[in-house]
Amino acid sequence: MTTASELRDRWYQPDGLKAVLAVRSWLAGRGPRPDGLGEVKGRVDLRSFPLTGSTIAFGDPDDPDAGVVWHSLDLSNARGDALRLFGARIDNCVFDGASLVDLRLWGGEVTDCSFRRADLQTSILGAGDWHGSRTTWRRVTFDRAKLRRSVFKGCVLDGCTFERPGKLLQIIDCEVNGCTFRGDLDSAIISGRGYAYPVTPSAFSADFSQAVFHDSHIDGYLLDNVTFPDQANLVLVRRYPSVFRKAAVWLAQQAATEPDPSAVRFLQSWTKAAGSEESDLCFDLDAGDPVLEAVRRALDHVQGT
């Protein structure tokens, strides 16, 4: 069985260095497929390939029709930090365990691909409208990928899976259809308020039944087509802007106690840059925090009446 070090070192042998240049040219659409490349489970064997080097950008930022086409490639454990993709069409590819820190995509589609345990930290995985198109991720697996400080912005997520995506995952103004989230969601921000990119509040359906919220929230979407976990400290507020305004007024009128002013400010902060009046909000409360307990009391009062 070929070891991980052997897969990596083959690209740094004298013949391998020549192959790297030929493969990069092929991947950039500037040459034929090099001879001698094997296959793994029906995919071209590019495991541990050094994607970035002299070539960092693939495609043309000014021409949406010049994007690269990658089909059935095994790029497991590839090295592609600071990779730039413009209008790429990528399908049936494996990027498991790849280092793709600071990856950036404009337009294009990624379909039936796997990024299990890939390092995608600080990446921009969709940047809204680009020459009239948005980045689309369709049936892509991000299970246990490192997505710390990464952002999906103004893109389409269709049938994707996220298992333990790490801290500070951001999904901003995206169309989310039938996605599944499992494991810890730590400081995740999922927002559809439409400030970065226009989005329809109803464009959200997902399964969070096997997820655990930790200081995370979903706002700006209608959450009618969402399955939530059985988590005691999880709060779901329907049509939250008006509820929060009423809760802030009610709480301010109560007998003054130490945590209540902070709780009022918490409620008011959500109304200053609220999403659609018809949108919902889901977030977890830190059990035992007196400020958040006051928030819960105010929300329960308003929703109960």
Protein backbone atom coordinates (compact mmCIF):
# COMPACT_ATOMS: atom_id res chain seq x y z
CA MET A 1 0.00 0.00 0.00
CA THR A 2 1.37 3.43 -0.95
CA THR A 3 2.04 5.60 2.11
CA ALA A 4 1.08 9.26 2.47
CA SER A 5 4.74 10.33 2.33
CA GLU A 6 5.29 8.33 -0.86
CA LEU A 7 2.26 9.96 -2.48
CA ARG A 8 3.63 13.39 -1.58
CA ASP A 9 7.29 12.74 -2.42
CA ARG A 10 6.55 11.43 -5.92
CA TRP A 11 5.80 14.97 -7.05
CA TYR A 12 9.20 16.22 -5.87
CA GLN A 13 11.37 13.71 -7.71
CA PRO A 14 13.09 14.89 -10.95
CA ASP A 15 10.44 13.27 -13.14
CA GLY A 16 7.72 14.36 -10.74
CA LEU A 17 8.66 18.02 -11.00
CA LYS A 18 8.21 17.84 -14.77
CA ALA A 19 4.86 16.15 -14.25
CA VAL A 20 3.77 18.92 -11.84
CA LEU A 21 4.24 21.58 -14.51
CA ALA A 22 2.38 19.48 -17.08
CA VAL A 23 -0.49 18.74 -14.70
CA ARG A 24 -0.83 22.39 -13.71
CA SER A 25 -0.98 23.36 -17.37
CA TRP A 26 -3.65 20.71 -17.95
CA LEU A 27 -5.69 21.81 -14.93
CA ALA A 28 -5.48 25.40 -16.17
CA GLY A 29 -6.91 24.31 -19.53
CA ARG A 30 -3.71 25.09 -21.41
CA GLY A 31 -2.58 21.61 -22.35
CA PRO A 32 -3.56 17.93 -22.75
CA ARG A 33 -3.80 15.44 -19.94
CA PRO A 34 -0.26 14.23 -19.22
CA ASP A 35 0.59 10.60 -19.85
CA GLY A 36 1.26 8.24 -16.99
CA LEU A 37 -1.38 9.45 -14.52
CA GLY A 38 -3.06 6.57 -12.76
CA GLU A 39 -6.59 6.35 -11.42
CA VAL A 40 -8.13 5.75 -8.00
CA LYS A 41 -11.73 4.52 -7.92
CA GLY A 42 -12.35 5.97 -11.37
CA ARG A 43 -10.71 9.33 -10.65
CA VAL A 44 -7.39 10.68 -11.89
CA ASP A 45 -4.79 10.11 -9.19
CA LEU A 46 -3.56 13.52 -8.11
CA ARG A 47 -3.33 12.71 -4.40
CA SER A 48 -1.02 15.09 -2.48
CA PHE A 49 -0.55 17.19 -5.61
CA PRO A 50 0.95 20.72 -5.13
CA LEU A 51 -1.89 22.70 -6.72
CA THR A 52 -0.46 26.14 -6.05
CA GLY A 53 3.01 27.35 -6.86
CA SER A 54 3.71 29.44 -9.90
CA THR A 55 0.00 28.98 -10.72
CA ILE A 56 -2.40 30.27 -8.08
CA ALA A 57 -5.36 31.54 -10.14
CA PHE A 58 -7.36 29.31 -12.48
CA GLY A 59 -9.74 30.98 -14.91
CA ASP A 60 -10.08 34.60 -15.97
CA PRO A 61 -11.54 37.23 -13.61
CA ASP A 62 -12.88 39.11 -16.62
CA ASP A 63 -14.28 36.17 -18.62
CA PRO A 64 -16.92 33.91 -17.03
CA ASP A 65 -16.64 31.46 -19.94
CA ALA A 66 -12.94 30.83 -19.39
CA GLY A 67 -13.31 28.84 -16.19
CA VAL A 68 -11.52 25.54 -15.77
CA VAL A 69 -13.33 22.18 -15.89
CA TRP A 70 -12.17 19.57 -13.39
CA HIS A 71 -13.90 16.21 -13.69
CA SER A 72 -13.26 13.06 -11.65
CA LEU A 73 -10.02 14.04 -9.95
CA ASP A 74 -8.70 12.65 -6.67
CA LEU A 75 -6.95 15.59 -5.02
CA SER A 76 -6.93 14.14 -1.51
CA ASN A 77 -4.29 15.82 0.68
CA ALA A 78 -3.43 18.24 -2.14
CA ARG A 79 -1.71 21.52 -1.30
CA GLY A 80 -3.63 24.50 -2.64
CA ASP A 81 -3.38 27.40 -0.19
CA ALA A 82 -4.45 30.80 -1.57
CA LEU A 83 -6.02 29.11 -4.60
CA ARG A 84 -8.22 31.37 -6.76
CA LEU A 85 -10.95 29.91 -8.99
CA PHE A 86 -12.95 32.00 -11.47
CA GLY A 87 -16.02 30.37 -13.06
CA ALA A 88 -14.77 26.84 -12.41
CA ARG A 89 -16.86 23.73 -13.11
CA ILE A 90 -15.80 20.98 -10.70
CA ASP A 91 -17.61 17.67 -10.37
CA ASN A 92 -17.00 14.21 -8.91
CA CYS A 93 -13.74 15.33 -7.31
CA VAL A 94 -12.26 14.43 -3.92
CA PHE A 95 -10.41 17.02 -1.83
CA ASP A 96 -10.39 15.03 1.42
CA GLY A 97 -7.65 16.20 3.78
CA ALA A 98 -6.47 18.87 1.32
CA SER A 99 -4.91 22.12 2.53
CA LEU A 100 -7.00 24.84 0.91
CA VAL A 101 -6.52 27.71 3.35
CA ASP A 102 -7.70 31.07 1.95
CA LEU A 103 -9.48 29.44 -1.01
CA ARG A 104 -11.59 31.91 -3.01
CA LEU A 105 -14.22 31.23 -5.65
CA TRP A 106 -16.09 33.50 -7.99
CA GLY A 107 -19.05 31.98 -9.84
CA GLY A 108 -18.88 28.39 -11.05
CA GLU A 109 -20.31 25.14 -9.73
CA VAL A 110 -18.95 22.46 -7.46
CA THR A 111 -21.02 19.27 -7.73
CA ASP A 112 -20.83 15.84 -6.08
CA CYS A 113 -17.50 16.55 -4.42
CA SER A 114 -16.00 15.77 -1.02
CA PHE A 115 -13.97 18.05 1.27
CA ARG A 116 -13.84 15.77 4.32
CA ARG A 117 -11.29 17.02 6.85
CA ALA A 118 -10.00 19.58 4.34
CA ASP A 119 -8.47 22.76 5.75
CA LEU A 120 -10.63 25.59 4.38
CA GLN A 121 -9.94 28.16 7.07
CA THR A 122 -10.27 31.88 6.23
CA SER A 123 -11.75 31.05 2.82
CA ILE A 124 -14.35 32.97 0.81
CA LEU A 125 -16.51 30.24 -0.69
CA GLY A 126 -18.83 32.44 -2.69
CA ALA A 127 -18.80 36.19 -3.22
CA GLY A 128 -22.29 37.03 -4.43
CA ASP A 129 -22.91 38.00 -8.02
CA TRP A 130 -20.02 37.56 -10.45
CA HIS A 131 -20.75 38.33 -14.10
CA GLY A 132 -24.38 37.44 -13.49
CA SER A 133 -23.81 34.13 -11.71
CA ARG A 134 -23.35 32.88 -8.18
CA THR A 135 -21.13 30.14 -6.83
CA THR A 136 -23.15 26.94 -6.45
CA TRP A 137 -22.27 24.03 -4.16
CA ARG A 138 -24.42 21.01 -4.97
CA ARG A 139 -24.27 17.75 -2.98
CA VAL A 140 -20.90 18.62 -1.49
CA THR A 141 -19.62 17.02 1.72
CA PHE A 142 -17.86 19.31 4.20
CA ASP A 143 -17.83 16.80 7.05
CA ARG A 144 -15.19 17.73 9.65
CA ALA A 145 -13.66 20.26 7.31
CA LYS A 146 -11.92 23.16 9.03
CA LEU A 147 -14.08 26.17 8.22
CA ARG A 148 -12.93 28.58 10.93
CA ARG A 149 -13.47 32.18 9.80
CA SER A 150 -14.63 30.98 6.38
CA VAL A 151 -17.67 32.50 4.74
CA PHE A 152 -20.22 31.34 2.19
CA LYS A 153 -21.62 34.62 0.90
CA GLY A 154 -24.39 35.10 -1.65
CA CYS A 155 -24.02 31.57 -3.01
CA VAL A 156 -26.23 28.49 -3.37
CA LEU A 157 -25.86 25.51 -1.02
CA ASP A 158 -27.91 22.60 -2.31
CA GLY A 159 -27.94 19.25 -0.51
CA CYS A 160 -24.60 19.81 1.25
CA THR A 161 -23.55 18.27 4.56
CA PHE A 162 -21.61 19.89 7.40
CA GLU A 163 -20.38 17.81 10.31
CA ARG A 164 -18.44 19.59 13.07
CA PRO A 165 -17.36 22.53 10.89
CA GLY A 166 -15.33 24.18 13.65
CA LYS A 167 -15.62 27.69 15.03
CA LEU A 168 -16.89 30.79 13.30
CA LEU A 169 -18.53 29.24 10.25
CA GLN A 170 -20.43 31.97 8.37
CA ILE A 171 -23.24 31.47 5.86
CA ILE A 172 -24.39 34.91 4.79
CA ASP A 173 -27.28 35.69 2.42
CA CYS A 174 -27.15 32.28 0.75
CA GLU A 175 -29.87 30.13 -0.73
CA VAL A 176 -29.78 26.98 1.42
CA ASN A 177 -31.72 23.96 0.17
CA GLY A 178 -31.88 20.62 1.98
CA CYS A 179 -28.54 20.89 3.78
CA THR A 180 -27.64 18.82 6.84
CA PHE A 181 -25.67 19.99 9.88
CA ARG A 182 -24.33 17.54 12.48
CA GLY A 183 -22.26 17.86 15.64
CA ASP A 184 -21.13 21.04 17.36
CA LEU A 185 -21.91 24.40 15.76
CA ASP A 186 -19.54 26.71 17.64
CA SER A 187 -20.04 30.47 17.12
CA ALA A 188 -21.68 29.84 13.75
CA ILE A 189 -23.47 32.72 12.03
CA ILE A 190 -26.18 31.83 9.51
CA SER A 191 -27.90 34.99 8.35
CA GLY A 192 -30.28 35.89 5.55
CA ARG A 193 -30.94 39.56 6.20
CA GLY A 194 -29.96 40.50 2.65
CA TYR A 195 -27.38 43.18 3.40
CA ALA A 196 -24.49 41.52 1.55
CA TYR A 197 -26.59 39.99 -1.24
CA PRO A 198 -30.35 39.95 -1.98
CA VAL A 199 -31.93 36.75 -0.68
CA THR A 200 -35.50 35.55 -0.30
CA PRO A 201 -36.27 34.77 3.37
CA SER A 202 -38.03 31.54 2.38
CA ALA A 203 -34.89 30.23 0.62
CA PHE A 204 -33.83 28.09 3.56
CA SER A 205 -34.39 24.44 4.40
CA ALA A 206 -32.08 22.35 6.54
CA ASP A 207 -31.79 19.54 9.06
CA PHE A 208 -30.12 20.47 12.37
CA SER A 209 -31.61 17.54 14.31
CA GLN A 210 -28.15 16.09 15.03
CA ALA A 211 -26.43 19.43 15.66
CA VAL A 212 -25.65 21.20 18.93
CA PHE A 213 -25.72 25.00 19.02
CA HIS A 214 -22.98 26.74 21.01
CA ASP A 215 -23.21 30.55 20.84
CA SER A 216 -24.63 30.21 17.32
CA HIS A 217 -27.65 31.66 15.59
CA ILE A 218 -29.79 31.64 12.45
CA ASP A 219 -31.62 34.84 11.52
CA GLY A 220 -33.30 36.56 8.61
CA TYR A 221 -34.87 33.42 7.13
CA LEU A 222 -38.26 31.79 7.49
CA LEU A 223 -37.48 28.63 9.44
CA ASP A 224 -40.63 26.67 8.65
CA ASN A 225 -38.66 24.04 6.71
CA VAL A 226 -36.01 23.43 9.35
CA THR A 227 -35.63 20.50 11.73
CA PHE A 228 -34.06 21.59 15.02
CA PRO A 229 -32.32 19.52 17.68
CA ASP A 230 -33.94 18.66 20.99
CA GLN A 231 -31.81 21.20 22.84
CA ALA A 232 -33.22 22.69 26.04
CA ASN A 233 -31.53 26.09 25.77
CA LEU A 234 -32.44 26.64 22.12
CA VAL A 235 -34.80 29.55 21.47
CA LEU A 236 -36.88 29.89 18.30
CA VAL A 237 -38.63 33.21 17.73
CA ARG A 238 -41.08 33.47 14.85
CA ARG A 239 -41.31 36.87 13.14
CA TYR A 240 -38.62 38.03 15.50
CA PRO A 241 -38.29 41.81 14.75
CA SER A 242 -41.70 42.70 16.17
CA VAL A 243 -41.37 40.19 19.02
CA PHE A 244 -38.02 41.63 20.08
CA ARG A 245 -39.32 45.22 19.97
CA LYS A 246 -42.28 44.30 22.17
CA ALA A 247 -40.08 42.25 24.51
CA ALA A 248 -37.66 45.17 24.96
CA VAL A 249 -40.53 47.53 25.83
CA TRP A 250 -42.09 45.06 28.26
CA LEU A 251 -38.79 44.31 29.98
CA ALA A 252 -37.96 48.01 30.34
CA GLN A 253 -41.27 48.52 32.13
CA GLN A 254 -40.57 45.86 34.75
CA ALA A 255 -39.13 46.54 38.16
CA ALA A 256 -35.47 47.51 37.66
CA THR A 257 -33.06 44.71 38.46
CA GLU A 258 -29.36 44.53 37.66
CA PRO A 259 -29.49 42.22 34.61
CA ASP A 260 -32.57 43.79 32.99
CA PRO A 261 -30.92 46.90 31.43
CA SER A 262 -28.37 44.68 29.72
CA ALA A 263 -31.16 42.38 28.61
CA VAL A 264 -33.06 45.32 27.12
CA ARG A 265 -29.97 46.38 25.19
CA PHE A 266 -29.56 42.78 23.96
CA LEU A 267 -33.11 42.77 22.61
CA GLN A 268 -32.78 46.23 21.08
CA SER A 269 -29.54 45.30 19.31
CA TRP A 270 -31.41 42.71 17.25
CA THR A 271 -33.97 45.28 16.09
CA LYS A 272 -31.51 47.90 14.83
CA ALA A 273 -30.43 45.86 11.81
CA ALA A 274 -33.25 43.36 11.62
CA GLY A 275 -34.11 41.17 8.70
CA SER A 276 -37.50 40.95 7.05
CA GLU A 277 -40.44 41.50 9.41
CA GLU A 278 -41.58 38.01 8.42
CA SER A 279 -38.27 36.32 9.26
CA ASP A 280 -37.40 34.13 12.23
CA LEU A 281 -34.51 33.84 14.67
CA CYS A 282 -33.01 30.81 16.38
CA PHE A 283 -30.23 30.99 18.96
CA ASP A 284 -29.00 29.25 22.08
CA LEU A 285 -29.01 30.83 25.54
CA ASP A 286 -26.17 30.34 27.98
CA ALA A 287 -27.83 28.52 30.87
CA GLY A 288 -27.48 30.38 34.14
CA ASP A 289 -26.63 33.77 32.64
CA PRO A 290 -28.96 36.24 34.44
CA VAL A 291 -29.07 38.61 31.46
CA LEU A 292 -30.13 35.88 29.06
CA GLU A 293 -32.59 34.50 31.59
CA ALA A 294 -34.24 37.95 31.59
CA VAL A 295 -34.28 37.85 27.78
CA ARG A 296 -35.99 34.47 27.85
CA ARG A 297 -38.55 35.73 30.37
CA ALA A 298 -39.41 38.70 28.15
CA LEU A 299 -39.67 36.58 25.02
CA ASP A 300 -41.84 34.01 26.77
CA HIS A 301 -44.15 36.81 27.96
CA VAL A 302 -44.57 38.39 24.51
CA GLN A 303 -44.96 35.12 22.65
CA GLY A 304 -47.40 33.89 25.29
CA THR A 305 -49.64 36.91 24.77
